[in-house]
Amino acid sequence: MSGRPVKRSIMIAGHRTSVSLEGPFWDGLKALADSRGLTVAHLIAEIDAARGDADTGLSGALRVAVLAYYQDLAHAHRGDT
């Protein structure tokens, strides 16, 4: 498991941008997108739109979304509500 960020170019709302995330976060985004029937690019666009004008950067917002996804899975596995 590499801790080095991987930079990828994506299109959001008609604008090209790049995002740097560690490999496990890219994997998590793929799992989250698959679980919702979305492409990774569409998921990133949704997360970007949801953060609005918040001070959170896009990479940080993506990491938080992946963390929340796995927390939800863990809670569901334990039977939490």
N, C-alpha and C. Protein backbone atom coordinates (compact mmCIF):
# COMPACT_ATOMS: atom_id res chain seq x y z
N MET A 1 0.86 -1.18 0.00
CA MET A 1 0.00 0.00 0.00
C MET A 1 0.90 1.24 0.00
N SER A 2 0.77 2.02 -1.05
CA SER A 2 1.61 3.20 -1.19
C SER A 2 0.96 4.42 -0.55
N GLY A 3 1.76 5.18 0.16
CA GLY A 3 1.27 6.40 0.76
C GLY A 3 1.47 7.61 -0.14
N ARG A 4 2.04 7.37 -1.32
CA ARG A 4 2.29 8.47 -2.25
C ARG A 4 1.01 8.86 -3.00
N PRO A 5 0.75 10.14 -3.08
CA PRO A 5 -0.43 10.58 -3.83
C PRO A 5 -0.28 10.28 -5.32
N VAL A 6 -1.41 9.95 -5.93
CA VAL A 6 -1.50 9.73 -7.37
C VAL A 6 -2.37 10.85 -7.92
N LYS A 7 -1.84 11.57 -8.89
CA LYS A 7 -2.58 12.70 -9.48
C LYS A 7 -3.33 12.21 -10.71
N ARG A 8 -4.61 12.57 -10.78
CA ARG A 8 -5.44 12.22 -11.93
C ARG A 8 -6.19 13.45 -12.39
N SER A 9 -6.32 13.57 -13.69
CA SER A 9 -7.09 14.67 -14.28
C SER A 9 -8.53 14.22 -14.46
N ILE A 10 -9.45 15.10 -14.11
CA ILE A 10 -10.87 14.80 -14.25
C ILE A 10 -11.59 16.04 -14.77
N MET A 11 -12.79 15.82 -15.28
CA MET A 11 -13.63 16.91 -15.76
C MET A 11 -14.78 17.09 -14.77
N ILE A 12 -14.92 18.29 -14.24
CA ILE A 12 -16.02 18.61 -13.31
C ILE A 12 -16.73 19.84 -13.84
N ALA A 13 -18.02 19.69 -14.08
CA ALA A 13 -18.85 20.80 -14.55
C ALA A 13 -18.22 21.50 -15.75
N GLY A 14 -17.68 20.70 -16.66
CA GLY A 14 -17.12 21.25 -17.87
C GLY A 14 -15.72 21.82 -17.76
N HIS A 15 -15.11 21.71 -16.57
CA HIS A 15 -13.76 22.22 -16.37
C HIS A 15 -12.83 21.09 -15.98
N ARG A 16 -11.65 21.08 -16.61
CA ARG A 16 -10.66 20.06 -16.28
C ARG A 16 -9.90 20.50 -15.03
N THR A 17 -9.72 19.56 -14.12
CA THR A 17 -8.95 19.82 -12.91
C THR A 17 -8.17 18.55 -12.58
N SER A 18 -7.27 18.65 -11.65
CA SER A 18 -6.54 17.46 -11.23
C SER A 18 -6.72 17.27 -9.73
N VAL A 19 -6.71 16.02 -9.34
CA VAL A 19 -6.89 15.65 -7.94
C VAL A 19 -5.77 14.69 -7.56
N SER A 20 -5.17 14.93 -6.41
CA SER A 20 -4.13 14.04 -5.90
C SER A 20 -4.65 13.33 -4.66
N LEU A 21 -4.67 12.00 -4.72
CA LEU A 21 -5.08 11.17 -3.60
C LEU A 21 -4.16 9.95 -3.53
N GLU A 22 -4.01 9.41 -2.35
CA GLU A 22 -3.27 8.18 -2.18
C GLU A 22 -4.07 7.03 -2.82
N GLY A 23 -3.35 6.00 -3.27
CA GLY A 23 -3.97 4.86 -3.94
C GLY A 23 -5.17 4.28 -3.21
N PRO A 24 -5.08 4.03 -1.89
CA PRO A 24 -6.24 3.47 -1.19
C PRO A 24 -7.48 4.36 -1.25
N PHE A 25 -7.30 5.68 -1.33
CA PHE A 25 -8.45 6.56 -1.45
C PHE A 25 -9.06 6.47 -2.85
N TRP A 26 -8.23 6.32 -3.89
CA TRP A 26 -8.77 6.09 -5.23
C TRP A 26 -9.56 4.79 -5.25
N ASP A 27 -9.02 3.76 -4.59
CA ASP A 27 -9.74 2.48 -4.52
C ASP A 27 -11.07 2.65 -3.80
N GLY A 28 -11.05 3.41 -2.71
CA GLY A 28 -12.28 3.65 -1.96
C GLY A 28 -13.30 4.43 -2.76
N LEU A 29 -12.84 5.42 -3.53
CA LEU A 29 -13.76 6.17 -4.39
C LEU A 29 -14.40 5.25 -5.42
N LYS A 30 -13.61 4.34 -5.98
CA LYS A 30 -14.14 3.38 -6.96
C LYS A 30 -15.20 2.51 -6.30
N ALA A 31 -14.92 2.00 -5.10
CA ALA A 31 -15.89 1.16 -4.38
C ALA A 31 -17.17 1.94 -4.08
N LEU A 32 -17.03 3.18 -3.64
CA LEU A 32 -18.19 4.02 -3.34
C LEU A 32 -18.99 4.30 -4.61
N ALA A 33 -18.31 4.65 -5.69
CA ALA A 33 -19.00 4.90 -6.95
C ALA A 33 -19.74 3.66 -7.42
N ASP A 34 -19.08 2.50 -7.36
CA ASP A 34 -19.72 1.25 -7.77
C ASP A 34 -20.96 0.97 -6.93
N SER A 35 -20.88 1.23 -5.63
CA SER A 35 -22.01 0.95 -4.75
C SER A 35 -23.21 1.82 -5.07
N ARG A 36 -22.96 2.97 -5.69
CA ARG A 36 -24.03 3.91 -6.03
C ARG A 36 -24.38 3.88 -7.52
N GLY A 37 -23.72 3.00 -8.27
CA GLY A 37 -24.00 2.89 -9.70
C GLY A 37 -23.52 4.09 -10.50
N LEU A 38 -22.44 4.71 -10.05
CA LEU A 38 -21.90 5.90 -10.70
C LEU A 38 -20.50 5.64 -11.22
N THR A 39 -20.06 6.49 -12.13
CA THR A 39 -18.64 6.50 -12.48
C THR A 39 -17.91 7.29 -11.40
N VAL A 40 -16.62 7.08 -11.31
CA VAL A 40 -15.82 7.84 -10.34
C VAL A 40 -15.91 9.33 -10.65
N ALA A 41 -15.86 9.68 -11.92
CA ALA A 41 -15.94 11.09 -12.31
C ALA A 41 -17.27 11.71 -11.87
N HIS A 42 -18.37 10.97 -12.05
CA HIS A 42 -19.69 11.49 -11.64
C HIS A 42 -19.75 11.64 -10.12
N LEU A 43 -19.22 10.65 -9.40
CA LEU A 43 -19.20 10.73 -7.94
C LEU A 43 -18.39 11.95 -7.47
N ILE A 44 -17.22 12.15 -8.07
CA ILE A 44 -16.40 13.31 -7.69
C ILE A 44 -17.15 14.60 -7.97
N ALA A 45 -17.85 14.67 -9.09
CA ALA A 45 -18.63 15.88 -9.40
C ALA A 45 -19.72 16.10 -8.35
N GLU A 46 -20.38 15.03 -7.90
CA GLU A 46 -21.41 15.16 -6.86
C GLU A 46 -20.81 15.65 -5.55
N ILE A 47 -19.67 15.08 -5.17
CA ILE A 47 -19.02 15.49 -3.92
C ILE A 47 -18.58 16.94 -4.03
N ASP A 48 -18.06 17.32 -5.17
CA ASP A 48 -17.63 18.70 -5.39
C ASP A 48 -18.81 19.65 -5.26
N ALA A 49 -19.93 19.31 -5.88
CA ALA A 49 -21.12 20.17 -5.81
C ALA A 49 -21.65 20.27 -4.39
N ALA A 50 -21.60 19.16 -3.65
CA ALA A 50 -22.13 19.14 -2.28
C ALA A 50 -21.30 20.00 -1.33
N ARG A 51 -20.03 20.15 -1.63
CA ARG A 51 -19.19 20.94 -0.71
C ARG A 51 -19.39 22.42 -0.92
N GLY A 52 -19.98 22.79 -2.06
CA GLY A 52 -20.31 24.20 -2.33
C GLY A 52 -19.13 25.11 -2.15
N ASP A 53 -19.34 26.18 -1.40
CA ASP A 53 -18.29 27.17 -1.19
C ASP A 53 -17.51 26.91 0.10
N ALA A 54 -17.60 25.71 0.62
CA ALA A 54 -16.90 25.38 1.87
C ALA A 54 -15.40 25.55 1.68
N ASP A 55 -14.72 25.76 2.78
CA ASP A 55 -13.27 25.93 2.74
C ASP A 55 -12.53 24.61 2.50
N THR A 56 -13.26 23.51 2.53
CA THR A 56 -12.65 22.21 2.33
C THR A 56 -12.21 22.07 0.88
N GLY A 57 -10.95 21.67 0.68
CA GLY A 57 -10.47 21.40 -0.67
C GLY A 57 -11.10 20.13 -1.21
N LEU A 58 -11.03 19.97 -2.52
CA LEU A 58 -11.66 18.81 -3.15
C LEU A 58 -11.02 17.51 -2.68
N SER A 59 -9.71 17.45 -2.62
CA SER A 59 -9.05 16.21 -2.18
C SER A 59 -9.49 15.84 -0.76
N GLY A 60 -9.57 16.81 0.12
CA GLY A 60 -10.02 16.56 1.48
C GLY A 60 -11.46 16.08 1.51
N ALA A 61 -12.31 16.70 0.71
CA ALA A 61 -13.72 16.30 0.66
C ALA A 61 -13.85 14.86 0.16
N LEU A 62 -13.01 14.48 -0.80
CA LEU A 62 -13.04 13.11 -1.31
C LEU A 62 -12.59 12.12 -0.25
N ARG A 63 -11.55 12.46 0.48
CA ARG A 63 -11.08 11.58 1.57
C ARG A 63 -12.16 11.39 2.62
N VAL A 64 -12.83 12.48 2.99
CA VAL A 64 -13.91 12.41 3.99
C VAL A 64 -15.06 11.54 3.47
N ALA A 65 -15.39 11.65 2.19
CA ALA A 65 -16.47 10.83 1.61
C ALA A 65 -16.11 9.35 1.67
N VAL A 66 -14.86 9.02 1.37
CA VAL A 66 -14.42 7.62 1.44
C VAL A 66 -14.47 7.13 2.88
N LEU A 67 -13.98 7.94 3.81
CA LEU A 67 -14.03 7.57 5.22
C LEU A 67 -15.47 7.32 5.67
N ALA A 68 -16.38 8.21 5.30
CA ALA A 68 -17.79 8.06 5.69
C ALA A 68 -18.37 6.78 5.10
N TYR A 69 -18.01 6.46 3.86
CA TYR A 69 -18.49 5.24 3.22
C TYR A 69 -18.07 4.00 4.02
N TYR A 70 -16.80 3.95 4.38
CA TYR A 70 -16.32 2.78 5.13
C TYR A 70 -16.84 2.76 6.57
N GLN A 71 -17.05 3.92 7.16
CA GLN A 71 -17.67 3.96 8.49
C GLN A 71 -19.10 3.43 8.43
N ASP A 72 -19.83 3.82 7.40
CA ASP A 72 -21.20 3.32 7.22
C ASP A 72 -21.21 1.81 7.04
N LEU A 73 -20.27 1.29 6.26
CA LEU A 73 -20.17 -0.16 6.08
C LEU A 73 -19.88 -0.86 7.40
N ALA A 74 -18.97 -0.30 8.18
CA ALA A 74 -18.62 -0.89 9.47
C ALA A 74 -19.81 -0.88 10.42
N HIS A 75 -20.56 0.23 10.44
CA HIS A 75 -21.73 0.31 11.30
C HIS A 75 -22.80 -0.69 10.87
N ALA A 76 -22.99 -0.83 9.56
CA ALA A 76 -23.96 -1.79 9.05
C ALA A 76 -23.55 -3.21 9.39
N HIS A 77 -22.27 -3.49 9.32
CA HIS A 77 -21.76 -4.82 9.64
C HIS A 77 -21.98 -5.16 11.12
N ARG A 78 -21.82 -4.15 11.97
CA ARG A 78 -22.01 -4.35 13.40
C ARG A 78 -23.49 -4.31 13.79
N GLY A 79 -24.33 -3.85 12.89
CA GLY A 79 -25.75 -3.75 13.18
C GLY A 79 -26.12 -2.43 13.83
N ASP A 80 -25.21 -1.44 13.76
CA ASP A 80 -25.53 -0.11 14.28
C ASP A 80 -26.60 0.54 13.42
N THR A 81 -27.27 1.50 13.98
CA THR A 81 -28.25 2.25 13.20
C THR A 81 -27.76 3.63 12.94
